[in-house]
Amino acid sequence: MSGMKSRASIQIKALVKKRDALVEKLRGFKHILRGTILKRGNICGKRGCRCKRKEKPILHGPYQYLSHRSTKATNMIFLNKKKLYYAVRGIKEYDTAISIIYRIAEINFKLLRYHYTGLADE
């Protein structure tokens, strides 16, 4: 019985160590952005421009935008080259952070299901 207990204790320590390492990885994410990068053509304000034709209009662009859905509305930001770099970086950080959070949740599930014995904040 004590062999099972020590094996469980080793497993708990390994899971907690793995979880803590994943939590530590999350500290470095400061540019997280949730959204999608889209390409869209635009219609300008000039009279008689080809973008305003009734048949086969030729839109300006395409330009890149970051589309973000909040609880109230969908917002879009025009992305110049510099903003595009930060948007791509932020979306990658978001995807990585979500992946890490799922992994932490799986570890916590295992700890709760199989090993939890009143561990406070290990």
C-alpha atoms as a PDB file:
ATOM      1  CA  MET A   1       0.000   0.000   0.000  1.00  0.00           C
ATOM      2  CA  SER A   2       2.851   2.415   0.791  1.00  0.00           C
ATOM      3  CA  GLY A   3       4.374   1.660  -2.637  1.00  0.00           C
ATOM      4  CA  MET A   4       1.152   2.794  -4.301  1.00  0.00           C
ATOM      5  CA  LYS A   5       1.101   5.906  -2.155  1.00  0.00           C
ATOM      6  CA  SER A   6       4.653   6.870  -3.017  1.00  0.00           C
ATOM      7  CA  ARG A   7       4.036   6.201  -6.720  1.00  0.00           C
ATOM      8  CA  ALA A   8       0.952   8.429  -6.578  1.00  0.00           C
ATOM      9  CA  SER A   9       2.984  11.052  -4.751  1.00  0.00           C
ATOM     10  CA  ILE A  10       5.644  10.961  -7.486  1.00  0.00           C
ATOM     11  CA  GLN A  11       2.953  11.273 -10.158  1.00  0.00           C
ATOM     12  CA  ILE A  12       1.369  14.213  -8.342  1.00  0.00           C
ATOM     13  CA  LYS A  13       4.704  16.001  -8.036  1.00  0.00           C
ATOM     14  CA  ALA A  14       5.466  15.403 -11.724  1.00  0.00           C
ATOM     15  CA  LEU A  15       2.044  16.702 -12.807  1.00  0.00           C
ATOM     16  CA  VAL A  16       2.306  19.757 -10.545  1.00  0.00           C
ATOM     17  CA  LYS A  17       5.824  20.481 -11.832  1.00  0.00           C
ATOM     18  CA  LYS A  18       4.632  20.220 -15.433  1.00  0.00           C
ATOM     19  CA  ARG A  19       1.640  22.458 -14.687  1.00  0.00           C
ATOM     20  CA  ASP A  20       3.816  25.065 -12.969  1.00  0.00           C
ATOM     21  CA  ALA A  21       6.177  25.149 -15.951  1.00  0.00           C
ATOM     22  CA  LEU A  22       3.214  25.744 -18.275  1.00  0.00           C
ATOM     23  CA  VAL A  23       1.839  28.507 -16.037  1.00  0.00           C
ATOM     24  CA  GLU A  24       5.265  30.144 -16.098  1.00  0.00           C
ATOM     25  CA  LYS A  25       5.227  30.139 -19.910  1.00  0.00           C
ATOM     26  CA  LEU A  26       2.061  32.245 -19.857  1.00  0.00           C
ATOM     27  CA  ARG A  27       3.882  35.098 -18.097  1.00  0.00           C
ATOM     28  CA  GLY A  28       5.740  36.063 -21.257  1.00  0.00           C
ATOM     29  CA  PHE A  29       2.655  36.740 -23.369  1.00  0.00           C
ATOM     30  CA  LYS A  30       2.042  40.480 -23.432  1.00  0.00           C
ATOM     31  CA  HIS A  31       0.861  41.000 -27.002  1.00  0.00           C
ATOM     32  CA  ILE A  32      -2.082  38.577 -27.054  1.00  0.00           C
ATOM     33  CA  LEU A  33      -4.740  39.467 -29.619  1.00  0.00           C
ATOM     34  CA  ARG A  34      -7.893  37.577 -30.402  1.00  0.00           C
ATOM     35  CA  GLY A  35      -9.042  38.175 -33.926  1.00  0.00           C
ATOM     36  CA  THR A  36      -8.713  37.335 -37.592  1.00  0.00           C
ATOM     37  CA  ILE A  37      -6.685  38.994 -40.301  1.00  0.00           C
ATOM     38  CA  LEU A  38      -8.789  39.665 -43.396  1.00  0.00           C
ATOM     39  CA  LYS A  39      -8.160  41.143 -46.834  1.00  0.00           C
ATOM     40  CA  ARG A  40     -10.798  43.518 -48.140  1.00  0.00           C
ATOM     41  CA  GLY A  41     -11.217  45.855 -51.058  1.00  0.00           C
ATOM     42  CA  ASN A  42     -12.433  49.403 -50.433  1.00  0.00           C
ATOM     43  CA  ILE A  43     -14.688  51.914 -52.146  1.00  0.00           C
ATOM     44  CA  CYS A  44     -13.299  55.439 -52.116  1.00  0.00           C
ATOM     45  CA  GLY A  45     -15.069  58.792 -51.925  1.00  0.00           C
ATOM     46  CA  LYS A  46     -14.197  60.047 -55.425  1.00  0.00           C
ATOM     47  CA  ARG A  47     -17.029  60.600 -57.863  1.00  0.00           C
ATOM     48  CA  GLY A  48     -16.881  58.494 -60.972  1.00  0.00           C
ATOM     49  CA  CYS A  49     -14.112  56.212 -59.659  1.00  0.00           C
ATOM     50  CA  ARG A  50     -13.932  52.705 -61.106  1.00  0.00           C
ATOM     51  CA  CYS A  51     -14.701  51.341 -57.616  1.00  0.00           C
ATOM     52  CA  LYS A  52     -18.233  52.793 -57.891  1.00  0.00           C
ATOM     53  CA  ARG A  53     -19.237  51.265 -61.202  1.00  0.00           C
ATOM     54  CA  LYS A  54     -22.619  49.565 -61.235  1.00  0.00           C
ATOM     55  CA  GLU A  55     -21.232  46.646 -63.232  1.00  0.00           C
ATOM     56  CA  LYS A  56     -17.924  45.022 -62.378  1.00  0.00           C
ATOM     57  CA  PRO A  57     -16.565  47.620 -59.973  1.00  0.00           C
ATOM     58  CA  ILE A  58     -12.812  47.428 -59.307  1.00  0.00           C
ATOM     59  CA  LEU A  59     -12.228  47.947 -55.596  1.00  0.00           C
ATOM     60  CA  HIS A  60      -9.113  49.542 -54.160  1.00  0.00           C
ATOM     61  CA  GLY A  61      -6.757  47.196 -52.394  1.00  0.00           C
ATOM     62  CA  PRO A  62      -7.071  44.574 -51.156  1.00  0.00           C
ATOM     63  CA  TYR A  63      -5.978  45.865 -47.765  1.00  0.00           C
ATOM     64  CA  GLN A  64      -5.424  43.885 -44.610  1.00  0.00           C
ATOM     65  CA  TYR A  65      -7.533  44.383 -41.500  1.00  0.00           C
ATOM     66  CA  LEU A  66      -7.704  42.860 -38.045  1.00  0.00           C
ATOM     67  CA  SER A  67     -11.270  41.846 -37.262  1.00  0.00           C
ATOM     68  CA  HIS A  68     -12.087  41.530 -33.573  1.00  0.00           C
ATOM     69  CA  ARG A  69     -15.438  40.527 -32.115  1.00  0.00           C
ATOM     70  CA  SER A  70     -16.132  41.936 -28.669  1.00  0.00           C
ATOM     71  CA  THR A  71     -19.241  41.313 -26.592  1.00  0.00           C
ATOM     72  CA  LYS A  72     -20.953  44.320 -28.204  1.00  0.00           C
ATOM     73  CA  ALA A  73     -19.739  44.540 -31.791  1.00  0.00           C
ATOM     74  CA  THR A  74     -17.258  43.480 -34.431  1.00  0.00           C
ATOM     75  CA  ASN A  75     -14.469  46.000 -34.906  1.00  0.00           C
ATOM     76  CA  MET A  76     -11.894  46.239 -37.649  1.00  0.00           C
ATOM     77  CA  ILE A  77      -8.501  47.927 -37.698  1.00  0.00           C
ATOM     78  CA  PHE A  78      -6.615  48.788 -40.874  1.00  0.00           C
ATOM     79  CA  LEU A  79      -3.192  47.137 -40.760  1.00  0.00           C
ATOM     80  CA  ASN A  80      -0.195  48.889 -42.254  1.00  0.00           C
ATOM     81  CA  LYS A  81       3.060  46.873 -42.358  1.00  0.00           C
ATOM     82  CA  LYS A  82       4.032  47.694 -38.772  1.00  0.00           C
ATOM     83  CA  LYS A  83       0.575  46.974 -37.383  1.00  0.00           C
ATOM     84  CA  LEU A  84       0.369  43.776 -39.428  1.00  0.00           C
ATOM     85  CA  TYR A  85       3.563  42.520 -37.767  1.00  0.00           C
ATOM     86  CA  TYR A  86       2.119  43.115 -34.279  1.00  0.00           C
ATOM     87  CA  ALA A  87      -1.266  41.656 -35.218  1.00  0.00           C
ATOM     88  CA  VAL A  88       0.319  38.444 -36.515  1.00  0.00           C
ATOM     89  CA  ARG A  89       2.498  38.231 -33.400  1.00  0.00           C
ATOM     90  CA  GLY A  90      -0.466  38.831 -31.077  1.00  0.00           C
ATOM     91  CA  ILE A  91      -2.653  36.231 -32.779  1.00  0.00           C
ATOM     92  CA  LYS A  92       0.166  33.653 -32.587  1.00  0.00           C
ATOM     93  CA  GLU A  93       0.569  34.415 -28.870  1.00  0.00           C
ATOM     94  CA  TYR A  94      -3.174  33.988 -28.389  1.00  0.00           C
ATOM     95  CA  ASP A  95      -3.156  30.596 -30.134  1.00  0.00           C
ATOM     96  CA  THR A  96      -0.158  29.445 -28.091  1.00  0.00           C
ATOM     97  CA  ALA A  97      -1.688  30.702 -24.826  1.00  0.00           C
ATOM     98  CA  ILE A  98      -4.961  28.886 -25.517  1.00  0.00           C
ATOM     99  CA  SER A  99      -3.022  25.691 -26.241  1.00  0.00           C
ATOM    100  CA  ILE A 100      -1.124  26.040 -22.939  1.00  0.00           C
ATOM    101  CA  ILE A 101      -4.348  26.731 -21.035  1.00  0.00           C
ATOM    102  CA  TYR A 102      -5.892  23.537 -22.450  1.00  0.00           C
ATOM    103  CA  ARG A 103      -2.819  21.569 -21.359  1.00  0.00           C
ATOM    104  CA  ILE A 104      -3.008  23.072 -17.847  1.00  0.00           C
ATOM    105  CA  ALA A 105      -6.699  22.168 -17.679  1.00  0.00           C
ATOM    106  CA  GLU A 106      -5.931  18.553 -18.650  1.00  0.00           C
ATOM    107  CA  ILE A 107      -3.305  18.308 -15.910  1.00  0.00           C
ATOM    108  CA  ASN A 108      -5.702  19.813 -13.364  1.00  0.00           C
ATOM    109  CA  PHE A 109      -8.346  17.312 -14.453  1.00  0.00           C
ATOM    110  CA  LYS A 110      -5.932  14.426 -13.818  1.00  0.00           C
ATOM    111  CA  LEU A 111      -4.945  15.843 -10.455  1.00  0.00           C
ATOM    112  CA  LEU A 112      -8.564  16.283  -9.424  1.00  0.00           C
ATOM    113  CA  ARG A 113      -9.767  12.957 -10.754  1.00  0.00           C
ATOM    114  CA  TYR A 114      -7.005  10.635  -9.651  1.00  0.00           C
ATOM    115  CA  HIS A 115      -4.796  12.297  -7.099  1.00  0.00           C
ATOM    116  CA  TYR A 116      -6.390  15.201  -5.326  1.00  0.00           C
ATOM    117  CA  THR A 117      -6.093  14.722  -1.573  1.00  0.00           C
ATOM    118  CA  GLY A 118      -6.479  18.227  -0.229  1.00  0.00           C
ATOM    119  CA  LEU A 119      -3.482  19.773  -1.988  1.00  0.00           C
ATOM    120  CA  ALA A 120      -3.854  23.507  -1.519  1.00  0.00           C
ATOM    121  CA  ASP A 121      -1.723  25.420  -4.000  1.00  0.00           C
ATOM    122  CA  GLU A 122       1.098  23.125  -4.991  1.00  0.00           C
END
